[in-house]
Amino acid sequence: MKRKLFSLAIPVLFAAVVISCQKEKPVTSESNDTTTTKDGSKYVLDTLNSKVEWKGYKVFKSENTSHFGTITFESGDVTVKDGKLESGKFVADMTSLTSEDLKEDAEKLAKLNGHLKSGDFFETEKFPTASYEITKVTPSAEGDYNTILDGNLTIKGITKPTQFKANVSVNEGLVSIATEPKDIMREEFGVKFQSPAENGVIKDEVTLQINIKALEKK
């Protein structure tokens, strides 16, 4: 059963996301990989209906607690060729990072959001965007997802290769991409803050899920 993602905690994290396209080997009869190129039809990110969901975790002696929320996108696009996703580029607005679980408590929400955007976590004044760059698109017939996306995730200026399983659809001028909930290690992206032990240990794992809608450019 799929976990609903929300994760940055990043400190998305989430991260965002630029997607630039690198050329891979051409498709052959021995490979189902899609060569990532910029050839094809351009689809522009629908920023109002696209987002990153994040979830971060704090561990106490007696229980696990979490915060979850969203990050919106600043820009992005995908390329489609012969009805299939070819490439993509998504840039997340890290200054939009917000918690959903505290939205009913304005004081606590402002405190958490401010802390996540500070130098302890994402340092959004210095690093206002995060990105994901797709480098390979591979059809998949196994499990709950029809596509494997390989790419480069960049957070706080640090880039790491990151693979997502995703459901991708191309239909009547609309491209939809919904990734699986994916744990990333925040410390690999320079997010290393730990609160005092009495306040609970903040886990390294942050869960991210990317939801994209893109409209064909006329």
N, C-alpha and C. Protein backbone atom coordinates (compact mmCIF):
# COMPACT_ATOMS: atom_id res chain seq x y z
N MET A 1 0.86 -1.19 0.00
CA MET A 1 0.00 0.00 0.00
C MET A 1 0.88 1.23 0.00
N LYS A 2 0.55 2.21 -0.80
CA LYS A 2 1.42 3.37 -0.94
C LYS A 2 1.30 4.29 0.28
N ARG A 3 2.42 4.75 0.76
CA ARG A 3 2.43 5.80 1.76
C ARG A 3 2.20 7.11 1.09
N LYS A 4 1.38 7.94 1.68
CA LYS A 4 1.25 9.24 1.07
C LYS A 4 2.45 10.06 1.41
N LEU A 5 3.12 10.63 0.57
CA LEU A 5 4.29 11.39 0.89
C LEU A 5 4.03 12.81 1.25
N PHE A 6 4.85 13.20 1.90
CA PHE A 6 4.88 14.60 2.20
C PHE A 6 6.28 14.97 2.48
N SER A 7 7.19 14.49 2.56
CA SER A 7 8.43 14.67 3.12
C SER A 7 9.44 15.66 2.79
N LEU A 8 9.81 16.53 2.91
CA LEU A 8 11.03 17.28 2.91
C LEU A 8 11.57 17.16 4.23
N ALA A 9 11.40 17.56 5.01
CA ALA A 9 11.74 17.87 6.27
C ALA A 9 12.89 18.50 6.07
N ILE A 10 12.69 18.30 4.88
CA ILE A 10 13.71 18.81 4.21
C ILE A 10 13.52 19.82 4.82
N PRO A 11 13.21 19.32 5.77
CA PRO A 11 14.08 19.84 5.76
C PRO A 11 14.45 19.44 4.65
N VAL A 12 12.16 19.09 3.10
CA VAL A 12 12.15 19.24 2.17
C VAL A 12 12.05 19.27 2.43
N LEU A 13 12.24 19.06 2.78
CA LEU A 13 12.61 19.00 2.14
C LEU A 13 12.29 19.18 2.07
N PHE A 14 11.99 18.42 1.15
CA PHE A 14 12.10 18.46 0.41
C PHE A 14 12.46 19.03 0.59
N ALA A 15 13.98 20.05 -2.31
CA ALA A 15 14.35 20.07 -2.57
C ALA A 15 13.99 20.00 -3.29
N ALA A 16 13.74 20.37 -4.17
CA ALA A 16 13.58 20.62 -5.05
C ALA A 16 13.74 20.19 -6.03
N VAL A 17 13.82 21.38 -7.21
CA VAL A 17 13.99 20.40 -8.17
C VAL A 17 14.29 20.90 -9.55
N VAL A 18 15.52 20.86 -10.12
CA VAL A 18 15.73 21.21 -11.52
C VAL A 18 15.87 19.96 -12.31
N ILE A 19 15.41 19.94 -13.45
CA ILE A 19 15.58 18.79 -14.27
C ILE A 19 16.17 19.14 -15.60
N SER A 20 17.41 18.93 -15.78
CA SER A 20 18.07 19.20 -17.01
C SER A 20 18.26 17.91 -17.70
N CYS A 21 18.54 17.96 -18.95
CA CYS A 21 18.55 16.73 -19.66
C CYS A 21 19.93 16.38 -20.15
N GLN A 22 20.38 15.19 -19.78
CA GLN A 22 21.66 14.73 -20.25
C GLN A 22 21.41 13.63 -21.25
N LYS A 23 22.25 13.56 -22.25
CA LYS A 23 22.05 12.55 -23.26
C LYS A 23 22.54 11.20 -22.75
N GLU A 24 21.72 10.18 -22.95
CA GLU A 24 22.10 8.83 -22.60
C GLU A 24 22.33 8.05 -23.91
N LYS A 25 22.69 6.78 -23.76
CA LYS A 25 22.88 5.97 -24.95
C LYS A 25 21.57 5.84 -25.70
N PRO A 26 21.57 5.72 -27.03
CA PRO A 26 20.35 5.57 -27.79
C PRO A 26 19.61 4.31 -27.40
N VAL A 27 18.30 4.34 -27.59
CA VAL A 27 17.50 3.16 -27.29
C VAL A 27 17.85 2.06 -28.27
N THR A 28 18.02 0.84 -27.75
CA THR A 28 18.29 -0.31 -28.61
C THR A 28 17.33 -1.42 -28.23
N SER A 29 17.36 -2.50 -28.97
CA SER A 29 16.47 -3.62 -28.69
C SER A 29 16.80 -4.27 -27.35
N GLU A 30 17.96 -3.97 -26.79
CA GLU A 30 18.37 -4.57 -25.54
C GLU A 30 18.03 -3.68 -24.34
N SER A 31 17.44 -2.55 -24.59
CA SER A 31 17.17 -1.61 -23.50
C SER A 31 15.84 -0.92 -23.71
N ASN A 32 15.08 -0.77 -22.59
CA ASN A 32 13.82 -0.04 -22.64
C ASN A 32 14.01 1.41 -22.20
N ASP A 33 15.24 1.79 -21.89
CA ASP A 33 15.50 3.15 -21.44
C ASP A 33 15.15 4.14 -22.54
N THR A 34 14.61 5.27 -22.14
CA THR A 34 14.32 6.35 -23.07
C THR A 34 15.48 7.32 -23.08
N THR A 35 16.01 7.59 -24.27
CA THR A 35 17.08 8.57 -24.37
C THR A 35 16.55 9.94 -23.96
N THR A 36 17.22 10.60 -23.04
CA THR A 36 16.75 11.90 -22.61
C THR A 36 17.31 12.98 -23.52
N THR A 37 16.43 13.62 -24.24
CA THR A 37 16.80 14.70 -25.13
C THR A 37 15.79 15.83 -24.96
N LYS A 38 16.02 16.93 -25.62
CA LYS A 38 15.07 18.04 -25.57
C LYS A 38 14.23 18.09 -26.82
N ASP A 39 14.36 17.07 -27.66
CA ASP A 39 13.53 17.00 -28.85
C ASP A 39 12.11 16.62 -28.46
N GLY A 40 11.13 17.15 -29.17
CA GLY A 40 9.75 16.79 -28.89
C GLY A 40 8.92 17.99 -28.50
N SER A 41 7.73 17.71 -27.96
CA SER A 41 6.80 18.77 -27.57
C SER A 41 7.09 19.23 -26.15
N LYS A 42 7.03 20.52 -25.95
CA LYS A 42 7.32 21.11 -24.64
C LYS A 42 6.03 21.27 -23.84
N TYR A 43 6.08 20.85 -22.58
CA TYR A 43 4.98 21.03 -21.64
C TYR A 43 5.47 21.89 -20.49
N VAL A 44 4.67 22.87 -20.11
CA VAL A 44 5.07 23.82 -19.07
C VAL A 44 4.41 23.45 -17.74
N LEU A 45 5.19 23.51 -16.68
CA LEU A 45 4.69 23.15 -15.36
C LEU A 45 3.51 24.01 -14.95
N ASP A 46 2.45 23.36 -14.48
CA ASP A 46 1.31 24.05 -13.88
C ASP A 46 1.64 24.25 -12.40
N THR A 47 2.18 25.41 -12.06
CA THR A 47 2.68 25.63 -10.71
C THR A 47 1.57 25.63 -9.65
N LEU A 48 0.34 25.91 -10.06
CA LEU A 48 -0.77 25.93 -9.10
C LEU A 48 -1.19 24.52 -8.70
N ASN A 49 -0.89 23.55 -9.54
CA ASN A 49 -1.34 22.18 -9.29
C ASN A 49 -0.18 21.19 -9.18
N SER A 50 0.99 21.71 -8.89
CA SER A 50 2.17 20.87 -8.69
C SER A 50 2.78 21.21 -7.34
N LYS A 51 3.39 20.22 -6.69
CA LYS A 51 3.98 20.47 -5.37
C LYS A 51 4.88 19.32 -4.97
N VAL A 52 5.70 19.60 -3.97
CA VAL A 52 6.46 18.57 -3.27
C VAL A 52 5.82 18.40 -1.89
N GLU A 53 5.59 17.16 -1.51
CA GLU A 53 5.11 16.88 -0.16
C GLU A 53 6.29 16.32 0.64
N TRP A 54 6.43 16.75 1.88
CA TRP A 54 7.55 16.31 2.71
C TRP A 54 7.07 15.86 4.08
N LYS A 55 7.92 15.03 4.67
CA LYS A 55 7.64 14.59 6.04
C LYS A 55 8.96 14.37 6.76
N GLY A 56 9.09 14.96 7.96
CA GLY A 56 10.28 14.80 8.78
C GLY A 56 9.90 14.21 10.12
N TYR A 57 10.87 13.59 10.79
CA TYR A 57 10.55 12.80 11.97
C TYR A 57 11.44 13.17 13.16
N LYS A 58 10.83 13.23 14.32
CA LYS A 58 11.55 13.42 15.57
C LYS A 58 11.26 12.21 16.46
N VAL A 59 12.30 11.66 17.03
CA VAL A 59 12.16 10.45 17.84
C VAL A 59 12.36 10.77 19.31
N PHE A 60 11.34 10.50 20.11
CA PHE A 60 11.44 10.62 21.56
C PHE A 60 11.64 9.24 22.16
N LYS A 61 11.94 9.20 23.46
CA LYS A 61 12.15 7.90 24.10
C LYS A 61 10.88 7.04 24.07
N SER A 62 9.75 7.68 24.13
CA SER A 62 8.50 6.94 24.24
C SER A 62 7.67 6.90 22.97
N GLU A 63 7.98 7.76 21.99
CA GLU A 63 7.14 7.79 20.80
C GLU A 63 7.86 8.49 19.64
N ASN A 64 7.34 8.26 18.44
CA ASN A 64 7.82 8.96 17.26
C ASN A 64 6.81 10.04 16.88
N THR A 65 7.29 11.22 16.56
CA THR A 65 6.41 12.28 16.09
C THR A 65 6.94 12.79 14.76
N SER A 66 6.10 13.46 14.04
CA SER A 66 6.54 13.95 12.73
C SER A 66 5.88 15.28 12.41
N HIS A 67 6.50 15.99 11.48
CA HIS A 67 5.91 17.16 10.86
C HIS A 67 5.83 16.88 9.38
N PHE A 68 4.79 17.40 8.74
CA PHE A 68 4.67 17.21 7.29
C PHE A 68 4.09 18.46 6.66
N GLY A 69 4.39 18.63 5.37
CA GLY A 69 3.91 19.83 4.70
C GLY A 69 4.21 19.81 3.22
N THR A 70 4.30 20.99 2.64
CA THR A 70 4.45 21.10 1.19
C THR A 70 5.49 22.16 0.82
N ILE A 71 5.93 22.06 -0.43
CA ILE A 71 6.77 23.06 -1.08
C ILE A 71 6.21 23.24 -2.48
N THR A 72 6.06 24.48 -2.92
CA THR A 72 5.55 24.71 -4.27
C THR A 72 6.69 24.88 -5.26
N PHE A 73 6.35 24.88 -6.53
CA PHE A 73 7.34 25.03 -7.58
C PHE A 73 7.38 26.45 -8.12
N GLU A 74 8.57 26.87 -8.45
CA GLU A 74 8.77 28.17 -9.08
C GLU A 74 8.63 28.09 -10.59
N SER A 75 9.13 27.00 -11.17
CA SER A 75 9.08 26.83 -12.63
C SER A 75 9.41 25.38 -12.98
N GLY A 76 9.25 25.08 -14.24
CA GLY A 76 9.59 23.73 -14.71
C GLY A 76 8.98 23.44 -16.06
N ASP A 77 9.48 22.42 -16.69
CA ASP A 77 8.92 21.97 -17.96
C ASP A 77 9.32 20.52 -18.20
N VAL A 78 8.59 19.87 -19.09
CA VAL A 78 8.94 18.52 -19.52
C VAL A 78 8.85 18.46 -21.04
N THR A 79 9.55 17.50 -21.61
CA THR A 79 9.51 17.28 -23.05
C THR A 79 8.93 15.91 -23.32
N VAL A 80 8.02 15.83 -24.28
CA VAL A 80 7.37 14.58 -24.65
C VAL A 80 7.64 14.30 -26.12
N LYS A 81 8.01 13.07 -26.42
CA LYS A 81 8.27 12.66 -27.80
C LYS A 81 7.60 11.33 -28.04
N ASP A 82 6.83 11.25 -29.13
CA ASP A 82 6.11 10.02 -29.48
C ASP A 82 5.25 9.52 -28.32
N GLY A 83 4.62 10.48 -27.62
CA GLY A 83 3.70 10.13 -26.54
C GLY A 83 4.35 9.68 -25.25
N LYS A 84 5.69 9.85 -25.15
CA LYS A 84 6.40 9.40 -23.96
C LYS A 84 7.23 10.53 -23.36
N LEU A 85 7.34 10.50 -22.04
CA LEU A 85 8.17 11.48 -21.35
C LEU A 85 9.62 11.33 -21.78
N GLU A 86 10.24 12.45 -22.16
CA GLU A 86 11.63 12.44 -22.60
C GLU A 86 12.56 13.06 -21.56
N SER A 87 12.14 14.17 -20.99
CA SER A 87 13.01 14.89 -20.06
C SER A 87 12.18 15.82 -19.21
N GLY A 88 12.81 16.47 -18.26
CA GLY A 88 12.09 17.41 -17.43
C GLY A 88 13.01 18.28 -16.63
N LYS A 89 12.49 19.36 -16.16
CA LYS A 89 13.27 20.28 -15.33
C LYS A 89 12.32 20.99 -14.37
N PHE A 90 12.50 20.77 -13.07
CA PHE A 90 11.60 21.36 -12.07
C PHE A 90 12.42 22.11 -11.02
N VAL A 91 11.97 23.31 -10.71
CA VAL A 91 12.65 24.13 -9.70
C VAL A 91 11.66 24.43 -8.57
N ALA A 92 12.01 24.02 -7.37
CA ALA A 92 11.13 24.22 -6.22
C ALA A 92 11.49 25.52 -5.50
N ASP A 93 10.47 26.22 -5.04
CA ASP A 93 10.64 27.46 -4.29
C ASP A 93 10.75 27.11 -2.81
N MET A 94 11.97 27.05 -2.30
CA MET A 94 12.16 26.64 -0.91
C MET A 94 11.60 27.63 0.09
N THR A 95 11.41 28.87 -0.33
CA THR A 95 10.83 29.86 0.58
C THR A 95 9.35 29.59 0.83
N SER A 96 8.75 28.71 0.02
CA SER A 96 7.33 28.36 0.19
C SER A 96 7.14 27.20 1.16
N LEU A 97 8.23 26.64 1.65
CA LEU A 97 8.18 25.51 2.58
C LEU A 97 7.28 25.82 3.76
N THR A 98 6.31 24.94 4.00
CA THR A 98 5.41 25.16 5.13
C THR A 98 4.93 23.83 5.68
N SER A 99 4.59 23.84 6.95
CA SER A 99 4.05 22.66 7.62
C SER A 99 2.53 22.65 7.48
N GLU A 100 1.98 21.46 7.26
CA GLU A 100 0.53 21.31 7.20
C GLU A 100 -0.04 20.87 8.54
N ASP A 101 0.75 20.12 9.32
CA ASP A 101 0.20 19.58 10.57
C ASP A 101 0.00 20.66 11.63
N LEU A 102 0.66 21.81 11.47
CA LEU A 102 0.52 22.89 12.46
C LEU A 102 -0.32 24.06 11.94
N LYS A 103 -0.99 23.88 10.83
CA LYS A 103 -1.68 25.02 10.22
C LYS A 103 -2.81 25.59 11.08
N GLU A 104 -3.27 24.83 12.07
CA GLU A 104 -4.32 25.35 12.95
C GLU A 104 -3.75 26.13 14.13
N ASP A 105 -2.42 26.15 14.26
CA ASP A 105 -1.78 26.87 15.36
C ASP A 105 -0.78 27.85 14.75
N ALA A 106 -1.22 29.08 14.53
CA ALA A 106 -0.42 30.07 13.81
C ALA A 106 0.93 30.33 14.47
N GLU A 107 0.97 30.37 15.79
CA GLU A 107 2.22 30.66 16.50
C GLU A 107 3.24 29.54 16.30
N LYS A 108 2.81 28.30 16.49
CA LYS A 108 3.71 27.17 16.33
C LYS A 108 4.12 27.00 14.87
N LEU A 109 3.19 27.27 13.96
CA LEU A 109 3.48 27.16 12.53
C LEU A 109 4.57 28.15 12.13
N ALA A 110 4.43 29.38 12.55
CA ALA A 110 5.41 30.40 12.22
C ALA A 110 6.79 30.06 12.80
N LYS A 111 6.80 29.51 14.00
CA LYS A 111 8.06 29.15 14.65
C LYS A 111 8.75 28.02 13.90
N LEU A 112 7.99 26.97 13.54
CA LEU A 112 8.58 25.84 12.82
C LEU A 112 9.03 26.26 11.43
N ASN A 113 8.18 26.96 10.69
CA ASN A 113 8.55 27.38 9.34
C ASN A 113 9.81 28.24 9.36
N GLY A 114 9.88 29.15 10.33
CA GLY A 114 11.05 30.02 10.43
C GLY A 114 12.31 29.22 10.72
N HIS A 115 12.18 28.21 11.57
CA HIS A 115 13.35 27.39 11.90
C HIS A 115 13.80 26.57 10.69
N LEU A 116 12.85 25.98 9.97
CA LEU A 116 13.20 25.16 8.80
C LEU A 116 13.87 26.00 7.71
N LYS A 117 13.53 27.26 7.64
CA LYS A 117 14.10 28.14 6.61
C LYS A 117 15.41 28.79 7.06
N SER A 118 15.77 28.58 8.30
CA SER A 118 16.97 29.21 8.86
C SER A 118 18.23 28.44 8.50
N GLY A 119 19.37 28.95 8.95
CA GLY A 119 20.64 28.29 8.69
C GLY A 119 20.76 26.92 9.33
N ASP A 120 19.93 26.63 10.34
CA ASP A 120 19.95 25.30 10.96
C ASP A 120 19.49 24.22 9.98
N PHE A 121 18.60 24.59 9.06
CA PHE A 121 18.06 23.61 8.13
C PHE A 121 18.34 24.02 6.68
N PHE A 122 17.34 24.64 6.02
CA PHE A 122 17.49 24.86 4.58
C PHE A 122 18.09 26.17 4.13
N GLU A 123 18.24 27.07 5.05
CA GLU A 123 18.95 28.31 4.75
C GLU A 123 18.42 28.93 3.45
N THR A 124 17.10 29.19 3.43
CA THR A 124 16.45 29.59 2.18
C THR A 124 16.85 30.98 1.69
N GLU A 125 17.37 31.83 2.57
CA GLU A 125 17.83 33.13 2.11
C GLU A 125 19.03 32.98 1.18
N LYS A 126 19.87 32.01 1.48
CA LYS A 126 21.05 31.75 0.66
C LYS A 126 20.76 30.77 -0.47
N PHE A 127 19.85 29.81 -0.20
CA PHE A 127 19.51 28.78 -1.18
C PHE A 127 18.00 28.78 -1.39
N PRO A 128 17.47 29.75 -2.13
CA PRO A 128 16.02 29.91 -2.26
C PRO A 128 15.33 28.85 -3.13
N THR A 129 16.11 28.07 -3.86
CA THR A 129 15.49 27.04 -4.71
C THR A 129 16.19 25.70 -4.51
N ALA A 130 15.48 24.64 -4.88
CA ALA A 130 16.02 23.29 -4.95
C ALA A 130 15.58 22.75 -6.30
N SER A 131 16.21 21.68 -6.76
CA SER A 131 15.84 21.22 -8.10
C SER A 131 16.01 19.72 -8.27
N TYR A 132 15.33 19.21 -9.27
CA TYR A 132 15.50 17.81 -9.67
C TYR A 132 15.67 17.78 -11.18
N GLU A 133 16.72 17.11 -11.63
CA GLU A 133 17.04 17.04 -13.06
C GLU A 133 16.98 15.59 -13.52
N ILE A 134 16.08 15.30 -14.41
CA ILE A 134 15.92 13.93 -14.92
C ILE A 134 17.01 13.62 -15.92
N THR A 135 17.68 12.48 -15.71
CA THR A 135 18.72 12.06 -16.64
C THR A 135 18.37 10.80 -17.40
N LYS A 136 17.38 10.06 -16.91
CA LYS A 136 16.96 8.84 -17.62
C LYS A 136 15.53 8.49 -17.26
N VAL A 137 14.77 8.03 -18.24
CA VAL A 137 13.39 7.60 -18.04
C VAL A 137 13.28 6.15 -18.48
N THR A 138 12.86 5.27 -17.58
CA THR A 138 12.81 3.85 -17.88
C THR A 138 11.41 3.30 -17.58
N PRO A 139 10.72 2.75 -18.57
CA PRO A 139 9.42 2.12 -18.30
C PRO A 139 9.59 0.95 -17.34
N SER A 140 8.58 0.73 -16.51
CA SER A 140 8.64 -0.37 -15.54
C SER A 140 7.31 -1.11 -15.53
N ALA A 141 7.38 -2.43 -15.49
CA ALA A 141 6.17 -3.24 -15.46
C ALA A 141 5.99 -3.91 -14.10
N GLU A 142 6.82 -3.54 -13.14
CA GLU A 142 6.77 -4.18 -11.82
C GLU A 142 6.24 -3.22 -10.76
N GLY A 143 5.47 -3.77 -9.84
CA GLY A 143 5.01 -2.97 -8.71
C GLY A 143 3.91 -1.98 -9.08
N ASP A 144 3.77 -0.94 -8.24
CA ASP A 144 2.67 0.02 -8.38
C ASP A 144 2.99 1.21 -9.27
N TYR A 145 4.22 1.28 -9.80
CA TYR A 145 4.64 2.44 -10.58
C TYR A 145 5.08 2.02 -11.97
N ASN A 146 4.73 2.84 -12.97
CA ASN A 146 4.99 2.45 -14.36
C ASN A 146 6.29 3.00 -14.94
N THR A 147 7.02 3.77 -14.13
CA THR A 147 8.22 4.44 -14.65
C THR A 147 9.27 4.56 -13.55
N ILE A 148 10.53 4.47 -13.95
CA ILE A 148 11.63 4.76 -13.05
C ILE A 148 12.34 6.00 -13.57
N LEU A 149 12.47 7.01 -12.72
CA LEU A 149 13.14 8.25 -13.08
C LEU A 149 14.49 8.30 -12.38
N ASP A 150 15.54 8.44 -13.15
CA ASP A 150 16.87 8.70 -12.59
C ASP A 150 17.19 10.17 -12.81
N GLY A 151 17.81 10.77 -11.83
CA GLY A 151 18.13 12.18 -11.99
C GLY A 151 19.00 12.71 -10.89
N ASN A 152 19.16 14.02 -10.86
CA ASN A 152 20.01 14.69 -9.89
C ASN A 152 19.16 15.62 -9.02
N LEU A 153 19.18 15.36 -7.73
CA LEU A 153 18.46 16.18 -6.76
C LEU A 153 19.44 17.17 -6.15
N THR A 154 19.07 18.45 -6.18
CA THR A 154 19.95 19.49 -5.64
C THR A 154 19.24 20.24 -4.51
N ILE A 155 19.87 20.22 -3.33
CA ILE A 155 19.35 20.94 -2.17
C ILE A 155 20.53 21.65 -1.50
N LYS A 156 20.37 22.91 -1.18
CA LYS A 156 21.43 23.71 -0.55
C LYS A 156 22.72 23.67 -1.38
N GLY A 157 22.57 23.64 -2.69
CA GLY A 157 23.73 23.67 -3.56
C GLY A 157 24.47 22.36 -3.66
N ILE A 158 23.96 21.31 -3.03
CA ILE A 158 24.58 19.98 -3.07
C ILE A 158 23.74 19.08 -3.95
N THR A 159 24.40 18.43 -4.91
CA THR A 159 23.69 17.59 -5.88
C THR A 159 24.03 16.12 -5.66
N LYS A 160 22.99 15.28 -5.60
CA LYS A 160 23.16 13.85 -5.43
C LYS A 160 22.28 13.10 -6.44
N PRO A 161 22.80 12.02 -7.04
CA PRO A 161 21.94 11.21 -7.91
C PRO A 161 20.82 10.59 -7.09
N THR A 162 19.60 10.70 -7.60
CA THR A 162 18.43 10.21 -6.86
C THR A 162 17.45 9.56 -7.82
N GLN A 163 16.99 8.38 -7.48
CA GLN A 163 16.04 7.65 -8.32
C GLN A 163 14.67 7.63 -7.66
N PHE A 164 13.64 7.90 -8.45
CA PHE A 164 12.26 7.81 -7.99
C PHE A 164 11.48 6.81 -8.84
N LYS A 165 10.68 5.99 -8.20
CA LYS A 165 9.64 5.28 -8.93
C LYS A 165 8.48 6.25 -9.08
N ALA A 166 7.78 6.19 -10.22
CA ALA A 166 6.73 7.18 -10.46
C ALA A 166 5.66 6.61 -11.38
N ASN A 167 4.48 7.17 -11.27
CA ASN A 167 3.44 6.93 -12.26
C ASN A 167 3.41 8.14 -13.18
N VAL A 168 3.64 7.89 -14.47
CA VAL A 168 3.70 8.95 -15.47
C VAL A 168 2.60 8.71 -16.50
N SER A 169 1.86 9.76 -16.82
CA SER A 169 0.86 9.65 -17.87
C SER A 169 0.94 10.87 -18.79
N VAL A 170 0.74 10.62 -20.08
CA VAL A 170 0.72 11.68 -21.09
C VAL A 170 -0.60 11.54 -21.82
N ASN A 171 -1.47 12.56 -21.71
CA ASN A 171 -2.81 12.40 -22.26
C ASN A 171 -3.43 13.76 -22.57
N GLU A 172 -3.78 13.98 -23.83
CA GLU A 172 -4.54 15.16 -24.25
C GLU A 172 -3.98 16.46 -23.70
N GLY A 173 -2.71 16.70 -23.96
CA GLY A 173 -2.11 17.96 -23.57
C GLY A 173 -1.72 18.09 -22.12
N LEU A 174 -1.78 16.99 -21.37
CA LEU A 174 -1.44 17.02 -19.95
C LEU A 174 -0.47 15.91 -19.61
N VAL A 175 0.60 16.27 -18.94
CA VAL A 175 1.54 15.28 -18.40
C VAL A 175 1.40 15.28 -16.88
N SER A 176 1.22 14.09 -16.31
CA SER A 176 1.14 13.94 -14.86
C SER A 176 2.27 13.04 -14.39
N ILE A 177 2.95 13.46 -13.34
CA ILE A 177 4.01 12.65 -12.73
C ILE A 177 3.76 12.63 -11.23
N ALA A 178 3.65 11.43 -10.67
CA ALA A 178 3.47 11.29 -9.22
C ALA A 178 4.47 10.26 -8.74
N THR A 179 5.45 10.69 -7.96
CA THR A 179 6.48 9.77 -7.50
C THR A 179 6.03 9.03 -6.24
N GLU A 180 6.74 7.96 -5.95
CA GLU A 180 6.53 7.27 -4.68
C GLU A 180 7.09 8.13 -3.55
N PRO A 181 6.63 7.90 -2.32
CA PRO A 181 7.29 8.54 -1.17
C PRO A 181 8.72 8.00 -1.08
N LYS A 182 9.67 8.89 -1.03
CA LYS A 182 11.08 8.50 -1.10
C LYS A 182 11.85 9.11 0.07
N ASP A 183 12.54 8.27 0.83
CA ASP A 183 13.38 8.79 1.91
C ASP A 183 14.72 9.26 1.36
N ILE A 184 15.09 10.47 1.74
CA ILE A 184 16.43 10.96 1.44
C ILE A 184 17.13 11.24 2.76
N MET A 185 18.45 11.24 2.74
CA MET A 185 19.23 11.51 3.94
C MET A 185 19.58 12.99 3.97
N ARG A 186 18.93 13.73 4.85
CA ARG A 186 19.09 15.19 4.87
C ARG A 186 20.54 15.62 5.11
N GLU A 187 21.27 14.85 5.90
CA GLU A 187 22.64 15.24 6.21
C GLU A 187 23.53 15.21 4.98
N GLU A 188 23.18 14.39 3.99
CA GLU A 188 23.94 14.37 2.73
C GLU A 188 23.81 15.69 1.98
N PHE A 189 22.78 16.45 2.30
CA PHE A 189 22.55 17.74 1.65
C PHE A 189 22.87 18.92 2.58
N GLY A 190 23.66 18.64 3.59
CA GLY A 190 24.11 19.71 4.47
C GLY A 190 23.10 20.16 5.51
N VAL A 191 22.04 19.37 5.72
CA VAL A 191 21.04 19.70 6.74
C VAL A 191 21.33 18.84 7.96
N LYS A 192 22.15 19.34 8.88
CA LYS A 192 22.70 18.51 9.94
C LYS A 192 22.27 18.90 11.35
N PHE A 193 21.34 19.84 11.46
CA PHE A 193 20.93 20.31 12.78
C PHE A 193 20.36 19.19 13.64
N GLN A 194 20.74 19.19 14.92
CA GLN A 194 20.13 18.30 15.90
C GLN A 194 19.74 19.12 17.13
N SER A 195 18.51 18.92 17.58
CA SER A 195 18.05 19.62 18.78
C SER A 195 18.64 18.95 20.02
N PRO A 196 18.59 19.63 21.16
CA PRO A 196 19.07 19.02 22.41
C PRO A 196 18.36 17.69 22.65
N ALA A 197 19.08 16.74 23.26
CA ALA A 197 18.55 15.38 23.43
C ALA A 197 17.19 15.35 24.12
N GLU A 198 17.00 16.27 25.08
CA GLU A 198 15.72 16.26 25.82
C GLU A 198 14.54 16.64 24.93
N ASN A 199 14.81 17.26 23.79
CA ASN A 199 13.73 17.64 22.87
C ASN A 199 13.45 16.59 21.81
N GLY A 200 14.22 15.50 21.84
CA GLY A 200 14.00 14.43 20.87
C GLY A 200 15.00 14.51 19.73
N VAL A 201 15.39 13.35 19.22
CA VAL A 201 16.36 13.26 18.13
C VAL A 201 15.65 13.42 16.79
N ILE A 202 16.19 14.29 15.94
CA ILE A 202 15.63 14.47 14.60
C ILE A 202 16.26 13.44 13.66
N LYS A 203 15.45 12.61 13.04
CA LYS A 203 15.97 11.56 12.18
C LYS A 203 16.61 12.14 10.92
N ASP A 204 17.56 11.41 10.39
CA ASP A 204 18.23 11.82 9.15
C ASP A 204 17.29 11.71 7.96
N GLU A 205 16.40 10.71 7.99
CA GLU A 205 15.51 10.49 6.87
C GLU A 205 14.43 11.58 6.76
N VAL A 206 14.24 12.05 5.54
CA VAL A 206 13.14 12.95 5.22
C VAL A 206 12.42 12.34 4.03
N THR A 207 11.12 12.26 4.10
CA THR A 207 10.36 11.64 3.02
C THR A 207 9.86 12.70 2.04
N LEU A 208 10.11 12.47 0.77
CA LEU A 208 9.68 13.41 -0.27
C LEU A 208 8.79 12.72 -1.29
N GLN A 209 7.81 13.43 -1.77
CA GLN A 209 6.97 12.94 -2.87
C GLN A 209 6.72 14.12 -3.81
N ILE A 210 6.96 13.89 -5.08
CA ILE A 210 6.83 14.96 -6.08
C ILE A 210 5.57 14.72 -6.90
N ASN A 211 4.76 15.75 -7.02
CA ASN A 211 3.53 15.67 -7.82
C ASN A 211 3.57 16.78 -8.87
N ILE A 212 3.56 16.37 -10.14
CA ILE A 212 3.72 17.31 -11.23
C ILE A 212 2.52 17.27 -12.18
N LYS A 213 2.08 18.44 -12.58
CA LYS A 213 1.14 18.60 -13.69
C LYS A 213 1.76 19.58 -14.67
N ALA A 214 1.80 19.21 -15.93
CA ALA A 214 2.39 20.08 -16.95
C ALA A 214 1.46 20.14 -18.16
N LEU A 215 1.32 21.33 -18.71
CA LEU A 215 0.38 21.56 -19.81
C LEU A 215 1.15 21.82 -21.12
N GLU A 216 0.65 21.27 -22.20
CA GLU A 216 1.34 21.41 -23.48
C GLU A 216 1.43 22.87 -23.87
N LYS A 217 2.61 23.29 -24.29
CA LYS A 217 2.83 24.65 -24.70
C LYS A 217 2.31 24.86 -26.10
N LYS A 218 1.41 25.81 -26.29
CA LYS A 218 0.80 26.04 -27.61
C LYS A 218 1.63 27.03 -28.41
